[in-house]
Amino acid sequence: MKTFYYVVSTTRRSNPRVRSLARELALSLPKALKVNRGKMSLPALIAYARSLGAKRVLCVGRGLSGNPGSLMFIDSAISNYHPQAFVIKLCGVKLARELGVTPHPPGMILVAASSDALCFGQELAVALDLPLIETLNVRSLEHVCDSVLVVEPLSHLKAKFVLKFLKTSDSSYSGPRLLVEKYKVIKYGTFRGSIVNKGF
């Protein structure tokens, strides 16, 4: 039986663009499985991830304009069902196909962040259970991994960070590009149901 580390799905009120991002994220991470949410509750989704041996659940939510508006990371390895979630509010998404890229699952990936994006990079690395390195020199990591999730700060009115999946061989895109407005750790009881329009 094939083993998975990540289960990637959507919130129940999704649309084609949200589902496309979920599919591309599953192809941009190692040992990830895209699961159609349907009417499955969040506890049922986490239980399903556990049954597959997956350690993390990643849910893509819809924003106000219909574009992907949030990412929620849950540690499905927690034994009791009172997990916390790391939630990212998005304010812009460029799908891999819009970047002219077809994602392929990497053998190994890590999070790379600049010094002024290190706090967010650390939270993201913990949420994905990935190593973190403080550098933006993607090519220097070619001997370590084949893909990197880069975290860069932005001086933008709304977007505070950009997330980019890049190949270490030539620093080209290997997955989608995401603009992050803000992020937060939220206890389960505060995000029952849809998290899309909560605004944190």
C-alpha atoms as a PDB file:
ATOM      1  CA  MET A   1       0.000   0.000   0.000  1.00  0.00           C
ATOM      2  CA  LYS A   2       1.343   3.421  -0.945  1.00  0.00           C
ATOM      3  CA  THR A   3       2.104   5.695   1.998  1.00  0.00           C
ATOM      4  CA  PHE A   4       1.267   9.394   2.106  1.00  0.00           C
ATOM      5  CA  TYR A   5       2.529  12.175   4.317  1.00  0.00           C
ATOM      6  CA  TYR A   6       0.071  14.914   3.295  1.00  0.00           C
ATOM      7  CA  VAL A   7      -3.634  14.845   2.490  1.00  0.00           C
ATOM      8  CA  VAL A   8      -4.694  17.912   0.495  1.00  0.00           C
ATOM      9  CA  SER A   9      -8.347  18.861   0.124  1.00  0.00           C
ATOM     10  CA  THR A  10     -10.661  21.872   0.088  1.00  0.00           C
ATOM     11  CA  THR A  11     -13.311  23.363   2.308  1.00  0.00           C
ATOM     12  CA  ARG A  12     -16.773  22.066   1.423  1.00  0.00           C
ATOM     13  CA  ARG A  13     -17.770  25.235  -0.445  1.00  0.00           C
ATOM     14  CA  SER A  14     -15.150  25.159  -3.178  1.00  0.00           C
ATOM     15  CA  ASN A  15     -15.017  25.951  -6.889  1.00  0.00           C
ATOM     16  CA  PRO A  16     -12.841  24.881  -9.864  1.00  0.00           C
ATOM     17  CA  ARG A  17     -10.051  27.365  -9.083  1.00  0.00           C
ATOM     18  CA  VAL A  18      -9.866  26.304  -5.420  1.00  0.00           C
ATOM     19  CA  ARG A  19      -9.794  22.650  -6.477  1.00  0.00           C
ATOM     20  CA  SER A  20      -7.067  23.441  -9.026  1.00  0.00           C
ATOM     21  CA  LEU A  21      -4.871  24.970  -6.337  1.00  0.00           C
ATOM     22  CA  ALA A  22      -5.435  21.956  -4.068  1.00  0.00           C
ATOM     23  CA  ARG A  23      -4.433  19.637  -6.908  1.00  0.00           C
ATOM     24  CA  GLU A  24      -1.314  21.687  -7.692  1.00  0.00           C
ATOM     25  CA  LEU A  25      -0.280  21.820  -4.031  1.00  0.00           C
ATOM     26  CA  ALA A  26      -0.610  18.033  -3.823  1.00  0.00           C
ATOM     27  CA  LEU A  27       1.702  17.762  -6.853  1.00  0.00           C
ATOM     28  CA  SER A  28       4.173  20.270  -5.370  1.00  0.00           C
ATOM     29  CA  LEU A  29       4.679  18.368  -2.105  1.00  0.00           C
ATOM     30  CA  PRO A  30       6.270  14.938  -1.607  1.00  0.00           C
ATOM     31  CA  LYS A  31       4.009  11.986  -0.790  1.00  0.00           C
ATOM     32  CA  ALA A  32       0.821  14.059  -1.001  1.00  0.00           C
ATOM     33  CA  LEU A  33      -2.670  12.861  -1.925  1.00  0.00           C
ATOM     34  CA  LYS A  34      -5.443  15.110  -3.252  1.00  0.00           C
ATOM     35  CA  VAL A  35      -8.793  14.100  -1.741  1.00  0.00           C
ATOM     36  CA  ASN A  36     -12.195  15.278  -2.941  1.00  0.00           C
ATOM     37  CA  ARG A  37     -13.939  16.751   0.113  1.00  0.00           C
ATOM     38  CA  GLY A  38     -17.570  16.244  -0.900  1.00  0.00           C
ATOM     39  CA  LYS A  39     -19.740  16.248   2.232  1.00  0.00           C
ATOM     40  CA  MET A  40     -16.937  14.954   4.453  1.00  0.00           C
ATOM     41  CA  SER A  41     -16.692  16.799   7.773  1.00  0.00           C
ATOM     42  CA  LEU A  42     -13.362  18.121   9.017  1.00  0.00           C
ATOM     43  CA  PRO A  43     -13.115  15.405  11.734  1.00  0.00           C
ATOM     44  CA  ALA A  44     -13.856  12.769   9.087  1.00  0.00           C
ATOM     45  CA  LEU A  45     -11.182  14.207   6.784  1.00  0.00           C
ATOM     46  CA  ILE A  46      -8.613  14.119   9.592  1.00  0.00           C
ATOM     47  CA  ALA A  47      -9.640  10.565  10.496  1.00  0.00           C
ATOM     48  CA  TYR A  48      -9.255   9.546   6.845  1.00  0.00           C
ATOM     49  CA  ALA A  49      -5.781  11.112   6.747  1.00  0.00           C
ATOM     50  CA  ARG A  50      -4.834   9.154   9.866  1.00  0.00           C
ATOM     51  CA  SER A  51      -6.089   5.924   8.290  1.00  0.00           C
ATOM     52  CA  LEU A  52      -3.645   6.545   5.425  1.00  0.00           C
ATOM     53  CA  GLY A  53      -0.807   7.264   7.839  1.00  0.00           C
ATOM     54  CA  ALA A  54      -0.673  10.913   6.736  1.00  0.00           C
ATOM     55  CA  LYS A  55       0.761  13.376   9.260  1.00  0.00           C
ATOM     56  CA  ARG A  56      -0.652  16.610   7.868  1.00  0.00           C
ATOM     57  CA  VAL A  57      -3.961  17.765   6.386  1.00  0.00           C
ATOM     58  CA  LEU A  58      -3.954  20.820   4.120  1.00  0.00           C
ATOM     59  CA  CYS A  59      -7.283  22.470   3.214  1.00  0.00           C
ATOM     60  CA  VAL A  60      -7.689  25.165   0.567  1.00  0.00           C
ATOM     61  CA  GLY A  61     -10.564  27.582   1.197  1.00  0.00           C
ATOM     62  CA  ARG A  62     -12.444  29.932  -1.093  1.00  0.00           C
ATOM     63  CA  GLY A  63     -12.089  33.702  -0.723  1.00  0.00           C
ATOM     64  CA  LEU A  64     -14.742  36.357  -1.094  1.00  0.00           C
ATOM     65  CA  SER A  65     -14.189  36.801  -4.836  1.00  0.00           C
ATOM     66  CA  GLY A  66     -14.159  33.073  -5.559  1.00  0.00           C
ATOM     67  CA  ASN A  67     -10.375  32.844  -5.737  1.00  0.00           C
ATOM     68  CA  PRO A  68      -8.521  30.655  -3.229  1.00  0.00           C
ATOM     69  CA  GLY A  69      -8.596  32.689  -0.027  1.00  0.00           C
ATOM     70  CA  SER A  70      -7.024  30.551   2.685  1.00  0.00           C
ATOM     71  CA  LEU A  71      -4.800  27.598   3.500  1.00  0.00           C
ATOM     72  CA  MET A  72      -5.323  25.599   6.688  1.00  0.00           C
ATOM     73  CA  PHE A  73      -2.677  23.155   7.956  1.00  0.00           C
ATOM     74  CA  ILE A  74      -3.664  20.576  10.589  1.00  0.00           C
ATOM     75  CA  ASP A  75      -1.398  18.100  12.377  1.00  0.00           C
ATOM     76  CA  SER A  76      -3.352  14.872  11.887  1.00  0.00           C
ATOM     77  CA  ALA A  77      -0.897  12.929  14.059  1.00  0.00           C
ATOM     78  CA  ILE A  78      -2.323  14.507  17.232  1.00  0.00           C
ATOM     79  CA  SER A  79      -3.937  11.688  19.203  1.00  0.00           C
ATOM     80  CA  ASN A  80      -6.889  13.585  20.673  1.00  0.00           C
ATOM     81  CA  TYR A  81      -9.206  15.576  18.456  1.00  0.00           C
ATOM     82  CA  HIS A  82      -8.543  19.091  19.672  1.00  0.00           C
ATOM     83  CA  PRO A  83      -5.883  20.156  17.177  1.00  0.00           C
ATOM     84  CA  GLN A  84      -4.692  23.625  16.432  1.00  0.00           C
ATOM     85  CA  ALA A  85      -4.471  24.800  12.843  1.00  0.00           C
ATOM     86  CA  PHE A  86      -2.009  27.084  11.161  1.00  0.00           C
ATOM     87  CA  VAL A  87      -4.093  29.279   8.856  1.00  0.00           C
ATOM     88  CA  ILE A  88      -2.820  31.510   6.074  1.00  0.00           C
ATOM     89  CA  LYS A  89      -5.031  34.183   4.535  1.00  0.00           C
ATOM     90  CA  LEU A  90      -4.257  34.614   0.833  1.00  0.00           C
ATOM     91  CA  CYS A  91      -4.696  37.781  -1.195  1.00  0.00           C
ATOM     92  CA  GLY A  92      -3.519  36.530  -4.572  1.00  0.00           C
ATOM     93  CA  VAL A  93      -2.787  33.236  -6.326  1.00  0.00           C
ATOM     94  CA  LYS A  94      -1.023  32.412  -9.566  1.00  0.00           C
ATOM     95  CA  LEU A  95      -1.665  28.789 -10.448  1.00  0.00           C
ATOM     96  CA  ALA A  96       1.222  26.745 -11.804  1.00  0.00           C
ATOM     97  CA  ARG A  97      -0.554  26.363 -15.138  1.00  0.00           C
ATOM     98  CA  GLU A  98      -0.765  30.155 -15.382  1.00  0.00           C
ATOM     99  CA  LEU A  99       3.000  30.244 -14.864  1.00  0.00           C
ATOM    100  CA  GLY A 100       3.447  27.726 -17.688  1.00  0.00           C
ATOM    101  CA  VAL A 101       4.442  24.981 -15.250  1.00  0.00           C
ATOM    102  CA  THR A 102       3.286  21.407 -14.721  1.00  0.00           C
ATOM    103  CA  PRO A 103       4.049  20.401 -11.120  1.00  0.00           C
ATOM    104  CA  HIS A 104       5.641  17.036 -10.362  1.00  0.00           C
ATOM    105  CA  PRO A 105       6.006  15.649  -6.823  1.00  0.00           C
ATOM    106  CA  PRO A 106       9.537  16.324  -5.542  1.00  0.00           C
ATOM    107  CA  GLY A 107      11.568  13.686  -3.783  1.00  0.00           C
ATOM    108  CA  MET A 108      12.578  16.196  -1.134  1.00  0.00           C
ATOM    109  CA  ILE A 109      11.528  19.772  -0.383  1.00  0.00           C
ATOM    110  CA  LEU A 110      12.399  22.279   2.312  1.00  0.00           C
ATOM    111  CA  VAL A 111      11.328  25.779   3.329  1.00  0.00           C
ATOM    112  CA  ALA A 112      13.795  28.580   2.562  1.00  0.00           C
ATOM    113  CA  ALA A 113      13.250  32.041   4.059  1.00  0.00           C
ATOM    114  CA  SER A 114      15.120  35.315   4.180  1.00  0.00           C
ATOM    115  CA  SER A 115      16.105  36.684   7.594  1.00  0.00           C
ATOM    116  CA  ASP A 116      13.246  39.205   7.535  1.00  0.00           C
ATOM    117  CA  ALA A 117      10.694  36.457   6.831  1.00  0.00           C
ATOM    118  CA  LEU A 118      12.125  33.943   9.278  1.00  0.00           C
ATOM    119  CA  CYS A 119       9.263  34.003  11.819  1.00  0.00           C
ATOM    120  CA  PHE A 120       6.664  33.192   9.170  1.00  0.00           C
ATOM    121  CA  GLY A 121       9.050  30.680   7.587  1.00  0.00           C
ATOM    122  CA  GLN A 122       9.425  28.874  10.918  1.00  0.00           C
ATOM    123  CA  GLU A 123       5.655  28.642  11.415  1.00  0.00           C
ATOM    124  CA  LEU A 124       5.190  27.344   7.874  1.00  0.00           C
ATOM    125  CA  ALA A 125       7.988  24.795   8.232  1.00  0.00           C
ATOM    126  CA  VAL A 126       6.404  23.480  11.456  1.00  0.00           C
ATOM    127  CA  ALA A 127       2.961  23.354   9.804  1.00  0.00           C
ATOM    128  CA  LEU A 128       4.386  21.265   6.941  1.00  0.00           C
ATOM    129  CA  ASP A 129       6.885  19.390   9.124  1.00  0.00           C
ATOM    130  CA  LEU A 130       9.708  20.398   6.786  1.00  0.00           C
ATOM    131  CA  PRO A 131      13.283  21.566   7.403  1.00  0.00           C
ATOM    132  CA  LEU A 132      13.861  25.329   7.339  1.00  0.00           C
ATOM    133  CA  ILE A 133      16.949  27.059   6.021  1.00  0.00           C
ATOM    134  CA  GLU A 134      17.725  30.767   6.142  1.00  0.00           C
ATOM    135  CA  THR A 135      18.683  31.570   2.564  1.00  0.00           C
ATOM    136  CA  LEU A 136      17.205  32.698  -0.749  1.00  0.00           C
ATOM    137  CA  ASN A 137      20.058  31.179  -2.755  1.00  0.00           C
ATOM    138  CA  VAL A 138      17.977  28.384  -4.233  1.00  0.00           C
ATOM    139  CA  ARG A 139      20.715  27.042  -6.511  1.00  0.00           C
ATOM    140  CA  SER A 140      22.986  26.407  -3.521  1.00  0.00           C
ATOM    141  CA  LEU A 141      20.491  23.789  -2.272  1.00  0.00           C
ATOM    142  CA  GLU A 142      20.594  21.593  -5.382  1.00  0.00           C
ATOM    143  CA  HIS A 143      22.692  18.941  -3.604  1.00  0.00           C
ATOM    144  CA  VAL A 144      20.165  18.832  -0.721  1.00  0.00           C
ATOM    145  CA  CYS A 145      16.759  18.752  -2.419  1.00  0.00           C
ATOM    146  CA  ASP A 146      15.130  19.143  -5.824  1.00  0.00           C
ATOM    147  CA  SER A 147      12.505  21.719  -4.844  1.00  0.00           C
ATOM    148  CA  VAL A 148      12.197  24.584  -2.350  1.00  0.00           C
ATOM    149  CA  LEU A 149       9.243  26.485  -0.909  1.00  0.00           C
ATOM    150  CA  VAL A 150      10.626  30.017  -0.773  1.00  0.00           C
ATOM    151  CA  VAL A 151       9.272  32.602   1.684  1.00  0.00           C
ATOM    152  CA  GLU A 152       9.995  36.221   0.783  1.00  0.00           C
ATOM    153  CA  PRO A 153       8.727  39.423   2.444  1.00  0.00           C
ATOM    154  CA  LEU A 154       6.897  42.007   0.341  1.00  0.00           C
ATOM    155  CA  SER A 155       6.506  45.745   0.761  1.00  0.00           C
ATOM    156  CA  HIS A 156       2.924  45.723  -0.463  1.00  0.00           C
ATOM    157  CA  LEU A 157      -0.197  47.395   0.901  1.00  0.00           C
ATOM    158  CA  LYS A 158      -1.929  44.047   1.359  1.00  0.00           C
ATOM    159  CA  ALA A 159       0.465  41.157   0.717  1.00  0.00           C
ATOM    160  CA  LYS A 160       3.095  40.682   3.432  1.00  0.00           C
ATOM    161  CA  PHE A 161       4.825  37.622   1.948  1.00  0.00           C
ATOM    162  CA  VAL A 162       5.056  35.618  -1.245  1.00  0.00           C
ATOM    163  CA  LEU A 163       5.371  31.826  -1.320  1.00  0.00           C
ATOM    164  CA  LYS A 164       7.051  30.286  -4.358  1.00  0.00           C
ATOM    165  CA  PHE A 165       7.726  26.652  -5.239  1.00  0.00           C
ATOM    166  CA  LEU A 166      11.047  26.669  -7.109  1.00  0.00           C
ATOM    167  CA  LYS A 167      13.362  24.055  -8.622  1.00  0.00           C
ATOM    168  CA  THR A 168      16.833  24.076  -7.140  1.00  0.00           C
ATOM    169  CA  SER A 169      18.369  23.120 -10.494  1.00  0.00           C
ATOM    170  CA  ASP A 170      17.594  26.436 -12.195  1.00  0.00           C
ATOM    171  CA  SER A 171      15.411  28.482  -9.764  1.00  0.00           C
ATOM    172  CA  SER A 172      12.416  28.181 -12.108  1.00  0.00           C
ATOM    173  CA  TYR A 173       8.863  27.670 -10.831  1.00  0.00           C
ATOM    174  CA  SER A 174       7.815  24.140  -9.935  1.00  0.00           C
ATOM    175  CA  GLY A 175       4.394  25.001  -8.496  1.00  0.00           C
ATOM    176  CA  PRO A 176       1.966  27.843  -7.748  1.00  0.00           C
ATOM    177  CA  ARG A 177       2.816  31.304  -6.398  1.00  0.00           C
ATOM    178  CA  LEU A 178       0.847  32.537  -3.369  1.00  0.00           C
ATOM    179  CA  LEU A 179       0.516  36.017  -1.884  1.00  0.00           C
ATOM    180  CA  VAL A 180       0.027  35.983   1.895  1.00  0.00           C
ATOM    181  CA  GLU A 181      -1.904  38.722   3.673  1.00  0.00           C
ATOM    182  CA  LYS A 182      -1.578  37.328   7.211  1.00  0.00           C
ATOM    183  CA  TYR A 183      -1.325  34.139   9.210  1.00  0.00           C
ATOM    184  CA  LYS A 184      -2.387  32.812  12.592  1.00  0.00           C
ATOM    185  CA  VAL A 185      -2.556  29.721  14.788  1.00  0.00           C
ATOM    186  CA  ILE A 186      -6.227  29.017  15.560  1.00  0.00           C
ATOM    187  CA  LYS A 187      -7.691  26.515  18.002  1.00  0.00           C
ATOM    188  CA  TYR A 188     -10.201  24.070  16.521  1.00  0.00           C
ATOM    189  CA  GLY A 189     -13.163  25.446  18.472  1.00  0.00           C
ATOM    190  CA  THR A 190     -12.750  28.865  16.856  1.00  0.00           C
ATOM    191  CA  PHE A 191     -12.938  27.683  13.263  1.00  0.00           C
ATOM    192  CA  ARG A 192     -15.770  25.172  13.177  1.00  0.00           C
ATOM    193  CA  GLY A 193     -17.334  25.181   9.744  1.00  0.00           C
ATOM    194  CA  SER A 194     -16.051  27.502   7.065  1.00  0.00           C
ATOM    195  CA  ILE A 195     -12.952  29.587   7.794  1.00  0.00           C
ATOM    196  CA  VAL A 196     -13.087  31.457   4.526  1.00  0.00           C
ATOM    197  CA  ASN A 197     -14.865  34.631   5.635  1.00  0.00           C
ATOM    198  CA  LYS A 198     -13.644  34.791   9.224  1.00  0.00           C
ATOM    199  CA  GLY A 199     -10.892  37.339   8.462  1.00  0.00           C
ATOM    200  CA  PHE A 200      -9.181  35.947  11.576  1.00  0.00           C
END
